[in-house]
Each structure stands twice: as structure tokens, then as C-alpha cells.
C-alpha atoms as a PDB file:
ATOM      1  CA  VAL A   1       0.000   0.000   0.000  1.00  0.00           C
ATOM      2  CA  GLN A   2       1.291   3.434  -0.912  1.00  0.00           C
ATOM      3  CA  LEU A   3      -0.141   6.494   0.761  1.00  0.00           C
ATOM      4  CA  GLN A   4       0.195   9.968  -0.690  1.00  0.00           C
ATOM      5  CA  ALA A   5      -0.737  12.891   1.532  1.00  0.00           C
ATOM      6  CA  SER A   6      -1.352  16.406   0.287  1.00  0.00           C
ATOM      7  CA  GLY A   7      -2.983  19.674   1.270  1.00  0.00           C
ATOM      8  CA  GLY A   8      -0.513  21.094   3.745  1.00  0.00           C
ATOM      9  CA  GLY A   9       0.620  24.668   3.662  1.00  0.00           C
ATOM     10  CA  LEU A  10       1.095  27.924   5.524  1.00  0.00           C
ATOM     11  CA  VAL A  11      -1.971  29.551   7.040  1.00  0.00           C
ATOM     12  CA  GLN A  12      -2.747  32.064   9.731  1.00  0.00           C
ATOM     13  CA  ALA A  13      -4.322  31.175  13.040  1.00  0.00           C
ATOM     14  CA  GLY A  14      -8.057  30.715  12.718  1.00  0.00           C
ATOM     15  CA  GLU A  15      -7.927  29.605   9.105  1.00  0.00           C
ATOM     16  CA  SER A  16      -8.672  26.179   7.658  1.00  0.00           C
ATOM     17  CA  LEU A  17      -6.938  23.490   5.633  1.00  0.00           C
ATOM     18  CA  ARG A  18      -8.045  20.154   4.261  1.00  0.00           C
ATOM     19  CA  LEU A  19      -5.575  17.321   4.036  1.00  0.00           C
ATOM     20  CA  SER A  20      -6.082  14.407   1.685  1.00  0.00           C
ATOM     21  CA  CYS A  21      -4.468  11.003   1.643  1.00  0.00           C
ATOM     22  CA  THR A  22      -4.940   8.668  -1.291  1.00  0.00           C
ATOM     23  CA  ALA A  23      -4.058   5.003  -1.110  1.00  0.00           C
ATOM     24  CA  SER A  24      -2.862   2.927  -4.006  1.00  0.00           C
ATOM     25  CA  GLY A  25      -1.337  -0.460  -4.567  1.00  0.00           C
ATOM     26  CA  ARG A  26      -4.144  -2.647  -3.363  1.00  0.00           C
ATOM     27  CA  THR A  27      -7.817  -2.571  -2.485  1.00  0.00           C
ATOM     28  CA  PHE A  28      -8.557   0.235  -0.055  1.00  0.00           C
ATOM     29  CA  SER A  29      -9.912  -2.116   2.542  1.00  0.00           C
ATOM     30  CA  SER A  30      -7.945  -1.054   5.570  1.00  0.00           C
ATOM     31  CA  ASN A  31     -10.192  -0.986   8.576  1.00  0.00           C
ATOM     32  CA  PHE A  32      -8.332   1.823  10.293  1.00  0.00           C
ATOM     33  CA  MET A  33      -7.231   4.984   8.565  1.00  0.00           C
ATOM     34  CA  GLY A  34      -5.729   7.730  10.596  1.00  0.00           C
ATOM     35  CA  TRP A  35      -3.726  10.892  10.838  1.00  0.00           C
ATOM     36  CA  PHE A  36      -0.784  11.464  13.126  1.00  0.00           C
ATOM     37  CA  ARG A  37       1.409  14.518  13.436  1.00  0.00           C
ATOM     38  CA  GLN A  38       4.903  15.326  14.567  1.00  0.00           C
ATOM     39  CA  ALA A  39       5.926  18.792  15.663  1.00  0.00           C
ATOM     40  CA  PRO A  40       9.595  19.852  15.716  1.00  0.00           C
ATOM     41  CA  GLY A  41      11.361  18.282  18.669  1.00  0.00           C
ATOM     42  CA  LYS A  42       8.351  16.220  19.679  1.00  0.00           C
ATOM     43  CA  GLU A  43       7.225  12.655  19.239  1.00  0.00           C
ATOM     44  CA  ARG A  44       4.654  11.637  16.685  1.00  0.00           C
ATOM     45  CA  GLU A  45       1.168  11.827  18.143  1.00  0.00           C
ATOM     46  CA  PHE A  46      -2.284  10.579  17.220  1.00  0.00           C
ATOM     47  CA  VAL A  47      -4.675  13.112  15.710  1.00  0.00           C
ATOM     48  CA  ALA A  48      -7.714  11.283  14.366  1.00  0.00           C
ATOM     49  CA  SER A  49      -8.867   7.935  13.032  1.00  0.00           C
ATOM     50  CA  ILE A  50     -11.764   6.474  11.127  1.00  0.00           C
ATOM     51  CA  SER A  51     -12.864   2.898  10.669  1.00  0.00           C
ATOM     52  CA  TRP A  52     -14.193   1.283   7.498  1.00  0.00           C
ATOM     53  CA  SER A  53     -17.733   1.807   8.800  1.00  0.00           C
ATOM     54  CA  GLY A  54     -17.099   5.449   9.649  1.00  0.00           C
ATOM     55  CA  SER A  55     -16.529   5.370  13.377  1.00  0.00           C
ATOM     56  CA  THR A  56     -14.201   8.190  14.356  1.00  0.00           C
ATOM     57  CA  ALA A  57     -11.879   9.111  17.192  1.00  0.00           C
ATOM     58  CA  TYR A  58      -9.991  12.313  17.918  1.00  0.00           C
ATOM     59  CA  GLU A  59      -7.209  13.550  20.100  1.00  0.00           C
ATOM     60  CA  ASP A  60      -8.666  15.872  22.720  1.00  0.00           C
ATOM     61  CA  SER A  61      -7.014  19.069  21.512  1.00  0.00           C
ATOM     62  CA  VAL A  62      -8.555  18.789  18.026  1.00  0.00           C
ATOM     63  CA  LYS A  63     -12.071  17.735  18.991  1.00  0.00           C
ATOM     64  CA  GLY A  64     -14.593  20.166  17.602  1.00  0.00           C
ATOM     65  CA  ARG A  65     -12.052  21.656  15.178  1.00  0.00           C
ATOM     66  CA  PHE A  66     -10.915  18.720  13.021  1.00  0.00           C
ATOM     67  CA  THR A  67     -13.088  16.286  11.110  1.00  0.00           C
ATOM     68  CA  ILE A  68     -11.852  13.053   9.577  1.00  0.00           C
ATOM     69  CA  SER A  69     -13.747  11.392   6.740  1.00  0.00           C
ATOM     70  CA  ARG A  70     -13.132   8.801   4.073  1.00  0.00           C
ATOM     71  CA  ASP A  71     -14.336   8.057   0.580  1.00  0.00           C
ATOM     72  CA  ASN A  72     -13.823   4.355   0.045  1.00  0.00           C
ATOM     73  CA  ALA A  73     -14.724   4.637  -3.651  1.00  0.00           C
ATOM     74  CA  LYS A  74     -11.856   7.101  -4.124  1.00  0.00           C
ATOM     75  CA  ASN A  75      -9.472   5.327  -1.750  1.00  0.00           C
ATOM     76  CA  THR A  76      -9.058   8.614   0.055  1.00  0.00           C
ATOM     77  CA  VAL A  77      -9.184   9.827   3.618  1.00  0.00           C
ATOM     78  CA  TYR A  78      -9.535  13.500   4.497  1.00  0.00           C
ATOM     79  CA  LEU A  79      -8.783  15.674   7.485  1.00  0.00           C
ATOM     80  CA  GLN A  80     -10.678  18.946   7.577  1.00  0.00           C
ATOM     81  CA  MET A  81      -8.903  21.281   9.975  1.00  0.00           C
ATOM     82  CA  ASN A  82     -10.716  24.415  11.105  1.00  0.00           C
ATOM     83  CA  SER A  83      -9.795  27.117  13.597  1.00  0.00           C
ATOM     84  CA  LEU A  84      -6.156  26.225  13.271  1.00  0.00           C
ATOM     85  CA  LYS A  85      -3.785  27.225  16.046  1.00  0.00           C
ATOM     86  CA  PRO A  86      -0.018  27.719  16.018  1.00  0.00           C
ATOM     87  CA  GLU A  87       0.312  24.584  18.150  1.00  0.00           C
ATOM     88  CA  ASP A  88      -1.161  22.580  15.255  1.00  0.00           C
ATOM     89  CA  THR A  89       2.040  23.226  13.317  1.00  0.00           C
ATOM     90  CA  ALA A  90       3.538  19.855  12.438  1.00  0.00           C
ATOM     91  CA  VAL A  91       4.165  17.345   9.709  1.00  0.00           C
ATOM     92  CA  TYR A  92       0.966  15.368   9.282  1.00  0.00           C
ATOM     93  CA  TYR A  93       1.154  11.705   8.335  1.00  0.00           C
ATOM     94  CA  CYS A  94      -1.632   9.436   7.193  1.00  0.00           C
ATOM     95  CA  THR A  95      -1.619   5.773   8.033  1.00  0.00           C
ATOM     96  CA  ALA A  96      -3.484   2.628   7.109  1.00  0.00           C
ATOM     97  CA  ASP A  97      -3.875   0.172   9.946  1.00  0.00           C
ATOM     98  CA  ALA A  98      -0.851   1.796  11.579  1.00  0.00           C
ATOM     99  CA  SER A  99       1.206  -0.428   9.283  1.00  0.00           C
ATOM    100  CA  TYR A 100       1.552   1.746   6.199  1.00  0.00           C
ATOM    101  CA  TRP A 101       2.551   5.381   6.330  1.00  0.00           C
ATOM    102  CA  GLY A 102       2.607   8.281   3.908  1.00  0.00           C
ATOM    103  CA  LYS A 103       5.553  10.653   3.678  1.00  0.00           C
ATOM    104  CA  GLY A 104       3.784  13.467   5.437  1.00  0.00           C
ATOM    105  CA  THR A 105       2.648  16.947   4.578  1.00  0.00           C
ATOM    106  CA  LEU A 106       3.734  20.073   6.443  1.00  0.00           C
ATOM    107  CA  VAL A 107       1.179  22.303   8.105  1.00  0.00           C
ATOM    108  CA  THR A 108       2.414  25.633   9.420  1.00  0.00           C
ATOM    109  CA  VAL A 109       0.101  27.927  11.354  1.00  0.00           C
ATOM    110  CA  SER A 110       1.322  31.437  12.024  1.00  0.00           C
ATOM    111  CA  SER A 111       0.053  33.563  14.895  1.00  0.00           C
END
């Protein structure tokens, strides 16, 4: 499975971004799709996940601001990020079943 993430960029605090992650290489049948992030000097941390059936989970600091979704027909998972804060600045990685990882996309939020 290859995962290609996109959608990162530089925004100001309070603005929004939508990340996309498209899977290729085999049937997009992973039960768990998720997003993790790693800020400079910090360990990689969980952000959000979604199951095949659509059940979601979020890290506490992003609840109410981020929304994860998936389009199984397009083999794509999304992360809609609203009300971004400077502390959201990180490289965001998508994962399938925590076994396959994309290369990451950089999100920078200026204050």
C-alpha cells in the first residue's frame, strides 16, 4: 500500500486546511485509517482515526475543530482542519492500519 498525503501549507491562526491522503497499490480495505502529526522536537502523536464503517476518534485538543472522513470509492481519507492554532504546526502523516505510512505533509500555522 502506498499512501500519498497532500494539502498542507502555511496559514494564519483561525484559518482552515483540508488534508487528503490517497491510497494505491491494493484494495482500499484497511479498517483503520488515521492521521498522526509530529511537531519539531516532539514525538509523533495521534490526531484522528476512522474505521471502514465510519466510526471516528480524535485527540482531545482537536475535537470540535478537526473532522476526519473517508471516501472508500476514491481510496481517500480526508482531514478537515478548522480554527487552526499555532500549536497545530507539524508534519501530518496518514496511516493505514498503523502499518503503512505516507511521507507526510507540512502544516504551518502562524500567529
